[in-house]
């Protein structure tokens, strides 16, 4: 795994880009925290293909995060049904006024 500081990226841009092309990706840190990832896009014929691939990656990542949150959740279907019933009752009350 290639990791460069933002300072290294600024001062050695050509070398960092060459490493990305050779190894496929690199990470850039800023104050010790991952700031961004650089990836080789030469496998794509057009910028639109690269953007579409990135959008798919983001969507998959978000879906996995949602699944993880759901797996960790202690909310049951009964809790959800009770919340729905409470909101419906409240709306009926408001409509009756």
PDB file of N, CA and C in Angstrom:
ATOM      1  N   UNK A   1       0.859  -1.172   0.000  1.00  0.00           N
ATOM      2  CA  UNK A   1       0.000   0.000   0.000  1.00  0.00           C
ATOM      3  C   UNK A   1       0.902   1.231   0.000  1.00  0.00           C
ATOM      4  N   UNK A   2       0.629   2.119  -0.921  1.00  0.00           N
ATOM      5  CA  UNK A   2       1.409   3.347  -1.048  1.00  0.00           C
ATOM      6  C   UNK A   2       0.702   4.476  -0.310  1.00  0.00           C
ATOM      7  N   UNK A   3       1.432   5.112   0.589  1.00  0.00           N
ATOM      8  CA  UNK A   3       0.883   6.237   1.345  1.00  0.00           C
ATOM      9  C   UNK A   3       1.866   7.401   1.221  1.00  0.00           C
ATOM     10  N   UNK A   4       1.311   8.537   0.835  1.00  0.00           N
ATOM     11  CA  UNK A   4       2.111   9.749   0.695  1.00  0.00           C
ATOM     12  C   UNK A   4       1.475  10.856   1.520  1.00  0.00           C
ATOM     13  N   UNK A   5       2.294  11.755   2.022  1.00  0.00           N
ATOM     14  CA  UNK A   5       1.751  12.925   2.708  1.00  0.00           C
ATOM     15  C   UNK A   5       1.349  13.951   1.647  1.00  0.00           C
ATOM     16  N   UNK A   6       0.522  14.892   2.035  1.00  0.00           N
ATOM     17  CA  UNK A   6       0.128  15.942   1.092  1.00  0.00           C
ATOM     18  C   UNK A   6       1.348  16.760   0.668  1.00  0.00           C
ATOM     19  N   UNK A   7       2.313  16.895   1.556  1.00  0.00           N
ATOM     20  CA  UNK A   7       3.548  17.608   1.218  1.00  0.00           C
ATOM     21  C   UNK A   7       4.326  16.854   0.143  1.00  0.00           C
ATOM     22  N   UNK A   8       4.414  15.529   0.301  1.00  0.00           N
ATOM     23  CA  UNK A   8       5.104  14.720  -0.717  1.00  0.00           C
ATOM     24  C   UNK A   8       4.385  14.820  -2.063  1.00  0.00           C
ATOM     25  N   UNK A   9       3.060  14.805  -2.032  1.00  0.00           N
ATOM     26  CA  UNK A   9       2.301  14.929  -3.273  1.00  0.00           C
ATOM     27  C   UNK A   9       2.609  16.260  -3.956  1.00  0.00           C
ATOM     28  N   UNK A  10       2.662  17.325  -3.169  1.00  0.00           N
ATOM     29  CA  UNK A  10       2.927  18.647  -3.731  1.00  0.00           C
ATOM     30  C   UNK A  10       4.346  18.758  -4.291  1.00  0.00           C
ATOM     31  N   UNK A  11       5.298  18.159  -3.595  1.00  0.00           N
ATOM     32  CA  UNK A  11       6.697  18.320  -4.015  1.00  0.00           C
ATOM     33  C   UNK A  11       7.168  17.256  -5.003  1.00  0.00           C
ATOM     34  N   UNK A  12       6.501  16.107  -5.041  1.00  0.00           N
ATOM     35  CA  UNK A  12       6.925  15.003  -5.916  1.00  0.00           C
ATOM     36  C   UNK A  12       5.749  14.475  -6.732  1.00  0.00           C
ATOM     37  N   UNK A  13       5.008  15.369  -7.330  1.00  0.00           N
ATOM     38  CA  UNK A  13       3.785  14.984  -8.037  1.00  0.00           C
ATOM     39  C   UNK A  13       4.042  13.935  -9.115  1.00  0.00           C
ATOM     40  N   UNK A  14       5.075  14.123  -9.922  1.00  0.00           N
ATOM     41  CA  UNK A  14       5.357  13.170 -10.991  1.00  0.00           C
ATOM     42  C   UNK A  14       5.657  11.781 -10.440  1.00  0.00           C
ATOM     43  N   UNK A  15       6.446  11.713  -9.385  1.00  0.00           N
ATOM     44  CA  UNK A  15       6.809  10.419  -8.801  1.00  0.00           C
ATOM     45  C   UNK A  15       5.589   9.738  -8.192  1.00  0.00           C
ATOM     46  N   UNK A  16       4.739  10.514  -7.518  1.00  0.00           N
ATOM     47  CA  UNK A  16       3.530   9.940  -6.914  1.00  0.00           C
ATOM     48  C   UNK A  16       2.619   9.409  -8.015  1.00  0.00           C
ATOM     49  N   UNK A  17       2.419  10.193  -9.071  1.00  0.00           N
ATOM     50  CA  UNK A  17       1.569   9.751 -10.181  1.00  0.00           C
ATOM     51  C   UNK A  17       2.134   8.509 -10.856  1.00  0.00           C
ATOM     52  N   UNK A  18       3.435   8.437 -10.989  1.00  0.00           N
ATOM     53  CA  UNK A  18       4.065   7.250 -11.579  1.00  0.00           C
ATOM     54  C   UNK A  18       3.808   6.023 -10.710  1.00  0.00           C
ATOM     55  N   UNK A  19       3.887   6.197  -9.404  1.00  0.00           N
ATOM     56  CA  UNK A  19       3.618   5.096  -8.482  1.00  0.00           C
ATOM     57  C   UNK A  19       2.166   4.635  -8.609  1.00  0.00           C
ATOM     58  N   UNK A  20       1.258   5.584  -8.721  1.00  0.00           N
ATOM     59  CA  UNK A  20      -0.161   5.245  -8.868  1.00  0.00           C
ATOM     60  C   UNK A  20      -0.368   4.454 -10.161  1.00  0.00           C
ATOM     61  N   UNK A  21       0.227   4.906 -11.247  1.00  0.00           N
ATOM     62  CA  UNK A  21       0.079   4.194 -12.519  1.00  0.00           C
ATOM     63  C   UNK A  21       0.660   2.785 -12.439  1.00  0.00           C
ATOM     64  N   UNK A  22       1.761   2.656 -11.742  1.00  0.00           N
ATOM     65  CA  UNK A  22       2.439   1.362 -11.638  1.00  0.00           C
ATOM     66  C   UNK A  22       1.700   0.402 -10.704  1.00  0.00           C
ATOM     67  N   UNK A  23       1.282   0.879  -9.537  1.00  0.00           N
ATOM     68  CA  UNK A  23       0.697   0.001  -8.521  1.00  0.00           C
ATOM     69  C   UNK A  23      -0.830   0.030  -8.471  1.00  0.00           C
ATOM     70  N   UNK A  24      -1.443   0.967  -9.170  1.00  0.00           N
ATOM     71  CA  UNK A  24      -2.898   1.002  -9.215  1.00  0.00           C
ATOM     72  C   UNK A  24      -3.550   2.013  -8.302  1.00  0.00           C
ATOM     73  N   UNK A  25      -2.941   2.267  -7.135  1.00  0.00           N
ATOM     74  CA  UNK A  25      -3.533   3.278  -6.247  1.00  0.00           C
ATOM     75  C   UNK A  25      -2.523   3.732  -5.193  1.00  0.00           C
ATOM     76  N   UNK A  26      -2.863   4.845  -4.573  1.00  0.00           N
ATOM     77  CA  UNK A  26      -2.068   5.387  -3.478  1.00  0.00           C
ATOM     78  C   UNK A  26      -2.981   6.230  -2.607  1.00  0.00           C
ATOM     79  N   UNK A  27      -2.617   6.355  -1.366  1.00  0.00           N
ATOM     80  CA  UNK A  27      -3.384   7.163  -0.423  1.00  0.00           C
ATOM     81  C   UNK A  27      -2.580   8.396  -0.057  1.00  0.00           C
ATOM     82  N   UNK A  28      -3.277   9.503   0.137  1.00  0.00           N
ATOM     83  CA  UNK A  28      -2.630  10.751   0.531  1.00  0.00           C
ATOM     84  C   UNK A  28      -3.146  11.109   1.919  1.00  0.00           C
ATOM     85  N   UNK A  29      -2.205  11.421   2.809  1.00  0.00           N
ATOM     86  CA  UNK A  29      -2.579  11.793   4.168  1.00  0.00           C
ATOM     87  C   UNK A  29      -2.357  13.283   4.386  1.00  0.00           C
ATOM     88  N   UNK A  30      -3.114  13.800   5.323  1.00  0.00           N
ATOM     89  CA  UNK A  30      -2.971  15.195   5.726  1.00  0.00           C
ATOM     90  C   UNK A  30      -3.029  15.207   7.245  1.00  0.00           C
ATOM     91  N   UNK A  31      -1.982  15.644   7.874  1.00  0.00           N
ATOM     92  CA  UNK A  31      -1.872  15.616   9.343  1.00  0.00           C
ATOM     93  C   UNK A  31      -2.110  14.222   9.911  1.00  0.00           C
ATOM     94  N   UNK A  32      -1.593  13.217   9.211  1.00  0.00           N
ATOM     95  CA  UNK A  32      -1.650  11.844   9.700  1.00  0.00           C
ATOM     96  C   UNK A  32      -2.960  11.122   9.438  1.00  0.00           C
ATOM     97  N   UNK A  33      -3.926  11.777   8.822  1.00  0.00           N
ATOM     98  CA  UNK A  33      -5.215  11.144   8.532  1.00  0.00           C
ATOM     99  C   UNK A  33      -5.365  10.966   7.030  1.00  0.00           C
ATOM    100  N   UNK A  34      -5.967   9.851   6.624  1.00  0.00           N
ATOM    101  CA  UNK A  34      -6.217   9.619   5.204  1.00  0.00           C
ATOM    102  C   UNK A  34      -7.082  10.746   4.669  1.00  0.00           C
ATOM    103  N   UNK A  35      -6.634  11.381   3.625  1.00  0.00           N
ATOM    104  CA  UNK A  35      -7.341  12.524   3.048  1.00  0.00           C
ATOM    105  C   UNK A  35      -7.985  12.154   1.719  1.00  0.00           C
ATOM    106  N   UNK A  36      -7.264  11.396   0.896  1.00  0.00           N
ATOM    107  CA  UNK A  36      -7.829  10.992  -0.384  1.00  0.00           C
ATOM    108  C   UNK A  36      -7.093   9.764  -0.917  1.00  0.00           C
ATOM    109  N   UNK A  37      -7.694   9.183  -1.931  1.00  0.00           N
ATOM    110  CA  UNK A  37      -7.106   8.029  -2.592  1.00  0.00           C
ATOM    111  C   UNK A  37      -6.928   8.384  -4.063  1.00  0.00           C
ATOM    112  N   UNK A  38      -5.775   8.085  -4.594  1.00  0.00           N
ATOM    113  CA  UNK A  38      -5.517   8.290  -6.015  1.00  0.00           C
ATOM    114  C   UNK A  38      -5.526   6.913  -6.670  1.00  0.00           C
ATOM    115  N   UNK A  39      -6.225   6.801  -7.793  1.00  0.00           N
ATOM    116  CA  UNK A  39      -6.277   5.521  -8.491  1.00  0.00           C
ATOM    117  C   UNK A  39      -5.940   5.692  -9.959  1.00  0.00           C
ATOM    118  N   UNK A  40      -5.386   4.639 -10.539  1.00  0.00           N
ATOM    119  CA  UNK A  40      -5.060   4.624 -11.955  1.00  0.00           C
ATOM    120  C   UNK A  40      -6.351   4.401 -12.742  1.00  0.00           C
ATOM    121  N   UNK A  41      -6.655   5.306 -13.641  1.00  0.00           N
ATOM    122  CA  UNK A  41      -7.884   5.222 -14.421  1.00  0.00           C
ATOM    123  C   UNK A  41      -7.640   4.792 -15.865  1.00  0.00           C
ATOM    124  N   UNK A  42      -6.461   4.304 -16.146  1.00  0.00           N
ATOM    125  CA  UNK A  42      -6.124   3.957 -17.529  1.00  0.00           C
ATOM    126  C   UNK A  42      -6.969   2.809 -18.074  1.00  0.00           C
ATOM    127  N   UNK A  43      -7.631   2.064 -17.205  1.00  0.00           N
ATOM    128  CA  UNK A  43      -8.465   0.952 -17.670  1.00  0.00           C
ATOM    129  C   UNK A  43      -9.761   1.439 -18.327  1.00  0.00           C
ATOM    130  N   UNK A  44     -10.112   2.711 -18.115  1.00  0.00           N
ATOM    131  CA  UNK A  44     -11.340   3.260 -18.677  1.00  0.00           C
ATOM    132  C   UNK A  44     -11.053   3.964 -19.983  1.00  0.00           C
ATOM    133  N   UNK A  45     -11.979   3.830 -20.912  1.00  0.00           N
ATOM    134  CA  UNK A  45     -11.820   4.484 -22.213  1.00  0.00           C
ATOM    135  C   UNK A  45     -12.249   5.941 -22.178  1.00  0.00           C
ATOM    136  N   UNK A  46     -13.214   6.259 -21.315  1.00  0.00           N
ATOM    137  CA  UNK A  46     -13.720   7.635 -21.250  1.00  0.00           C
ATOM    138  C   UNK A  46     -13.861   8.077 -19.801  1.00  0.00           C
ATOM    139  N   UNK A  47     -13.937   9.381 -19.618  1.00  0.00           N
ATOM    140  CA  UNK A  47     -14.141   9.927 -18.273  1.00  0.00           C
ATOM    141  C   UNK A  47     -15.498   9.493 -17.732  1.00  0.00           C
ATOM    142  N   UNK A  48     -16.487   9.362 -18.625  1.00  0.00           N
ATOM    143  CA  UNK A  48     -17.821   8.939 -18.180  1.00  0.00           C
ATOM    144  C   UNK A  48     -17.801   7.536 -17.588  1.00  0.00           C
ATOM    145  N   UNK A  49     -17.000   6.636 -18.172  1.00  0.00           N
ATOM    146  CA  UNK A  49     -16.867   5.289 -17.614  1.00  0.00           C
ATOM    147  C   UNK A  49     -16.256   5.352 -16.215  1.00  0.00           C
ATOM    148  N   UNK A  50     -15.249   6.184 -16.043  1.00  0.00           N
ATOM    149  CA  UNK A  50     -14.601   6.322 -14.741  1.00  0.00           C
ATOM    150  C   UNK A  50     -15.574   6.890 -13.719  1.00  0.00           C
ATOM    151  N   UNK A  51     -16.341   7.904 -14.112  1.00  0.00           N
ATOM    152  CA  UNK A  51     -17.320   8.505 -13.198  1.00  0.00           C
ATOM    153  C   UNK A  51     -18.384   7.492 -12.833  1.00  0.00           C
ATOM    154  N   UNK A  52     -18.861   6.737 -13.817  1.00  0.00           N
ATOM    155  CA  UNK A  52     -19.883   5.718 -13.550  1.00  0.00           C
ATOM    156  C   UNK A  52     -19.350   4.668 -12.576  1.00  0.00           C
ATOM    157  N   UNK A  53     -18.122   4.247 -12.760  1.00  0.00           N
ATOM    158  CA  UNK A  53     -17.517   3.258 -11.866  1.00  0.00           C
ATOM    159  C   UNK A  53     -17.404   3.810 -10.446  1.00  0.00           C
ATOM    160  N   UNK A  54     -16.987   5.068 -10.334  1.00  0.00           N
ATOM    161  CA  UNK A  54     -16.896   5.702  -9.017  1.00  0.00           C
ATOM    162  C   UNK A  54     -18.272   5.786  -8.357  1.00  0.00           C
ATOM    163  N   UNK A  55     -19.288   6.182  -9.121  1.00  0.00           N
ATOM    164  CA  UNK A  55     -20.648   6.263  -8.576  1.00  0.00           C
ATOM    165  C   UNK A  55     -21.121   4.903  -8.073  1.00  0.00           C
ATOM    166  N   UNK A  56     -20.804   3.841  -8.811  1.00  0.00           N
ATOM    167  CA  UNK A  56     -21.171   2.494  -8.375  1.00  0.00           C
ATOM    168  C   UNK A  56     -20.451   2.128  -7.075  1.00  0.00           C
ATOM    169  N   UNK A  57     -19.187   2.486  -6.983  1.00  0.00           N
ATOM    170  CA  UNK A  57     -18.410   2.197  -5.781  1.00  0.00           C
ATOM    171  C   UNK A  57     -19.012   2.913  -4.568  1.00  0.00           C
ATOM    172  N   UNK A  58     -19.360   4.187  -4.743  1.00  0.00           N
ATOM    173  CA  UNK A  58     -19.959   4.964  -3.654  1.00  0.00           C
ATOM    174  C   UNK A  58     -21.288   4.339  -3.231  1.00  0.00           C
ATOM    175  N   UNK A  59     -22.114   3.970  -4.199  1.00  0.00           N
ATOM    176  CA  UNK A  59     -23.411   3.362  -3.883  1.00  0.00           C
ATOM    177  C   UNK A  59     -23.228   2.043  -3.135  1.00  0.00           C
ATOM    178  N   UNK A  60     -22.297   1.217  -3.569  1.00  0.00           N
ATOM    179  CA  UNK A  60     -22.038  -0.061  -2.893  1.00  0.00           C
ATOM    180  C   UNK A  60     -21.548   0.176  -1.467  1.00  0.00           C
ATOM    181  N   UNK A  61     -20.669   1.158  -1.306  1.00  0.00           N
ATOM    182  CA  UNK A  61     -20.146   1.482   0.028  1.00  0.00           C
ATOM    183  C   UNK A  61     -21.283   1.931   0.956  1.00  0.00           C
ATOM    184  N   UNK A  62     -22.163   2.785   0.455  1.00  0.00           N
ATOM    185  CA  UNK A  62     -23.294   3.265   1.262  1.00  0.00           C
ATOM    186  C   UNK A  62     -24.246   2.132   1.599  1.00  0.00           C
ATOM    187  N   UNK A  63     -24.482   1.243   0.655  1.00  0.00           N
ATOM    188  CA  UNK A  63     -25.349   0.093   0.907  1.00  0.00           C
ATOM    189  C   UNK A  63     -24.765  -0.796   2.002  1.00  0.00           C
ATOM    190  N   UNK A  64     -23.472  -1.037   1.950  1.00  0.00           N
ATOM    191  CA  UNK A  64     -22.811  -1.839   2.983  1.00  0.00           C
ATOM    192  C   UNK A  64     -22.904  -1.155   4.349  1.00  0.00           C
ATOM    193  N   UNK A  65     -22.761   0.167   4.377  1.00  0.00           N
ATOM    194  CA  UNK A  65     -22.896   0.900   5.644  1.00  0.00           C
ATOM    195  C   UNK A  65     -24.312   0.774   6.196  1.00  0.00           C
ATOM    196  N   UNK A  66     -25.314   0.865   5.306  1.00  0.00           N
ATOM    197  CA  UNK A  66     -26.701   0.716   5.753  1.00  0.00           C
ATOM    198  C   UNK A  66     -26.941  -0.680   6.308  1.00  0.00           C
ATOM    199  N   UNK A  67     -26.427  -1.705   5.634  1.00  0.00           N
ATOM    200  CA  UNK A  67     -26.578  -3.077   6.125  1.00  0.00           C
ATOM    201  C   UNK A  67     -25.924  -3.235   7.495  1.00  0.00           C
ATOM    202  N   UNK A  68     -24.745  -2.636   7.659  1.00  0.00           N
ATOM    203  CA  UNK A  68     -24.037  -2.720   8.934  1.00  0.00           C
ATOM    204  C   UNK A  68     -24.830  -2.048  10.050  1.00  0.00           C
ATOM    205  N   UNK A  69     -25.342  -0.838   9.777  1.00  0.00           N
ATOM    206  CA  UNK A  69     -26.157  -0.137  10.790  1.00  0.00           C
ATOM    207  C   UNK A  69     -27.395  -0.942  11.130  1.00  0.00           C
ATOM    208  N   UNK A  70     -28.009  -1.552  10.120  1.00  0.00           N
ATOM    209  CA  UNK A  70     -29.199  -2.357  10.344  1.00  0.00           C
ATOM    210  C   UNK A  70     -28.869  -3.581  11.199  1.00  0.00           C
ATOM    211  N   UNK A  71     -27.739  -4.206  10.932  1.00  0.00           N
ATOM    212  CA  UNK A  71     -27.334  -5.385  11.696  1.00  0.00           C
ATOM    213  C   UNK A  71     -27.057  -5.035  13.154  1.00  0.00           C
ATOM    214  N   UNK A  72     -26.565  -3.828  13.387  1.00  0.00           N
ATOM    215  CA  UNK A  72     -26.244  -3.391  14.744  1.00  0.00           C
ATOM    216  C   UNK A  72     -27.458  -2.828  15.478  1.00  0.00           C
ATOM    217  N   UNK A  73     -28.531  -2.554  14.753  1.00  0.00           N
ATOM    218  CA  UNK A  73     -29.712  -1.919  15.338  1.00  0.00           C
ATOM    219  C   UNK A  73     -30.480  -2.888  16.232  1.00  0.00           C
ATOM    220  N   UNK A  74     -31.001  -2.354  17.326  1.00  0.00           N
ATOM    221  CA  UNK A  74     -31.817  -3.175  18.225  1.00  0.00           C
ATOM    222  C   UNK A  74     -33.299  -2.916  18.009  1.00  0.00           C
ATOM    223  N   UNK A  75     -33.626  -2.119  16.986  1.00  0.00           N
ATOM    224  CA  UNK A  75     -35.021  -1.821  16.684  1.00  0.00           C
ATOM    225  C   UNK A  75     -35.665  -3.056  16.062  1.00  0.00           C
ATOM    226  N   UNK A  76     -36.845  -3.420  16.574  1.00  0.00           N
ATOM    227  CA  UNK A  76     -37.559  -4.579  16.056  1.00  0.00           C
ATOM    228  C   UNK A  76     -38.713  -4.127  15.168  1.00  0.00           C
ATOM    229  N   UNK A  77     -39.297  -5.073  14.445  1.00  0.00           N
ATOM    230  CA  UNK A  77     -40.469  -4.751  13.634  1.00  0.00           C
ATOM    231  C   UNK A  77     -41.625  -4.286  14.514  1.00  0.00           C
ATOM    232  N   UNK A  78     -41.707  -4.839  15.713  1.00  0.00           N
ATOM    233  CA  UNK A  78     -42.756  -4.419  16.641  1.00  0.00           C
ATOM    234  C   UNK A  78     -42.573  -2.950  17.024  1.00  0.00           C
ATOM    235  N   UNK A  79     -41.331  -2.534  17.234  1.00  0.00           N
ATOM    236  CA  UNK A  79     -41.046  -1.127  17.543  1.00  0.00           C
ATOM    237  C   UNK A  79     -41.483  -0.217  16.391  1.00  0.00           C
ATOM    238  N   UNK A  80     -41.184  -0.648  15.186  1.00  0.00           N
ATOM    239  CA  UNK A  80     -41.546   0.141  14.008  1.00  0.00           C
ATOM    240  C   UNK A  80     -43.062   0.221  13.876  1.00  0.00           C
ATOM    241  N   UNK A  81     -43.745  -0.929  14.054  1.00  0.00           N
ATOM    242  CA  UNK A  81     -45.208  -0.947  13.971  1.00  0.00           C
ATOM    243  C   UNK A  81     -45.833  -0.048  15.030  1.00  0.00           C
ATOM    244  N   UNK A  82     -45.269  -0.058  16.221  1.00  0.00           N
ATOM    245  CA  UNK A  82     -45.788   0.784  17.304  1.00  0.00           C
ATOM    246  C   UNK A  82     -45.601   2.266  16.974  1.00  0.00           C
ATOM    247  N   UNK A  83     -44.466   2.619  16.399  1.00  0.00           N
ATOM    248  CA  UNK A  83     -44.212   4.010  16.016  1.00  0.00           C
ATOM    249  C   UNK A  83     -45.177   4.457  14.919  1.00  0.00           C
ATOM    250  N   UNK A  84     -45.398   3.597  13.940  1.00  0.00           N
ATOM    251  CA  UNK A  84     -46.347   3.910  12.862  1.00  0.00           C
ATOM    252  C   UNK A  84     -47.745   4.103  13.432  1.00  0.00           C
ATOM    253  N   UNK A  85     -48.161   3.216  14.318  1.00  0.00           N
ATOM    254  CA  UNK A  85     -49.491   3.314  14.929  1.00  0.00           C
ATOM    255  C   UNK A  85     -49.628   4.610  15.722  1.00  0.00           C
ATOM    256  N   UNK A  86     -48.586   5.000  16.442  1.00  0.00           N
ATOM    257  CA  UNK A  86     -48.632   6.229  17.228  1.00  0.00           C
ATOM    258  C   UNK A  86     -48.768   7.455  16.332  1.00  0.00           C
ATOM    259  N   UNK A  87     -48.042   7.489  15.247  1.00  0.00           N
ATOM    260  CA  UNK A  87     -48.109   8.625  14.323  1.00  0.00           C
ATOM    261  C   UNK A  87     -49.478   8.677  13.661  1.00  0.00           C
ATOM    262  N   UNK A  88     -50.002   7.522  13.271  1.00  0.00           N
ATOM    263  CA  UNK A  88     -51.332   7.497  12.645  1.00  0.00           C
ATOM    264  C   UNK A  88     -52.402   7.970  13.627  1.00  0.00           C
ATOM    265  N   UNK A  89     -52.290   7.549  14.876  1.00  0.00           N
ATOM    266  CA  UNK A  89     -53.261   7.975  15.889  1.00  0.00           C
ATOM    267  C   UNK A  89     -53.177   9.485  16.100  1.00  0.00           C
ATOM    268  N   UNK A  90     -51.968   9.998  16.127  1.00  0.00           N
ATOM    269  CA  UNK A  90     -51.772  11.446  16.290  1.00  0.00           C
ATOM    270  C   UNK A  90     -52.382  12.209  15.116  1.00  0.00           C
ATOM    271  N   UNK A  91     -52.191  11.710  13.907  1.00  0.00           N
ATOM    272  CA  UNK A  91     -52.762  12.370  12.730  1.00  0.00           C
ATOM    273  C   UNK A  91     -54.289  12.313  12.734  1.00  0.00           C
ATOM    274  N   UNK A  92     -54.840  11.167  13.171  1.00  0.00           N
ATOM    275  CA  UNK A  92     -56.308  11.071  13.271  1.00  0.00           C
ATOM    276  C   UNK A  92     -56.860  12.076  14.276  1.00  0.00           C
ATOM    277  N   UNK A  93     -56.150  12.221  15.377  1.00  0.00           N
ATOM    278  CA  UNK A  93     -56.540  13.187  16.405  1.00  0.00           C
ATOM    279  C   UNK A  93     -56.549  14.602  15.850  1.00  0.00           C
ATOM    280  N   UNK A  94     -55.471  14.949  15.120  1.00  0.00           N
ATOM    281  CA  UNK A  94     -55.361  16.283  14.534  1.00  0.00           C
ATOM    282  C   UNK A  94     -56.455  16.523  13.492  1.00  0.00           C
ATOM    283  N   UNK A  95     -56.758  15.512  12.719  1.00  0.00           N
ATOM    284  CA  UNK A  95     -57.785  15.643  11.678  1.00  0.00           C
ATOM    285  C   UNK A  95     -59.178  15.789  12.282  1.00  0.00           C
ATOM    286  N   UNK A  96     -59.389  15.204  13.449  1.00  0.00           N
ATOM    287  CA  UNK A  96     -60.691  15.255  14.100  1.00  0.00           C
ATOM    288  C   UNK A  96     -60.956  16.634  14.725  1.00  0.00           C
ATOM    289  N   UNK A  97     -59.951  17.413  14.946  1.00  0.00           N
ATOM    290  CA  UNK A  97     -60.111  18.739  15.585  1.00  0.00           C
ATOM    291  C   UNK A  97     -60.653  19.759  14.671  1.00  0.00           C
TER     292      UNK A  97
END
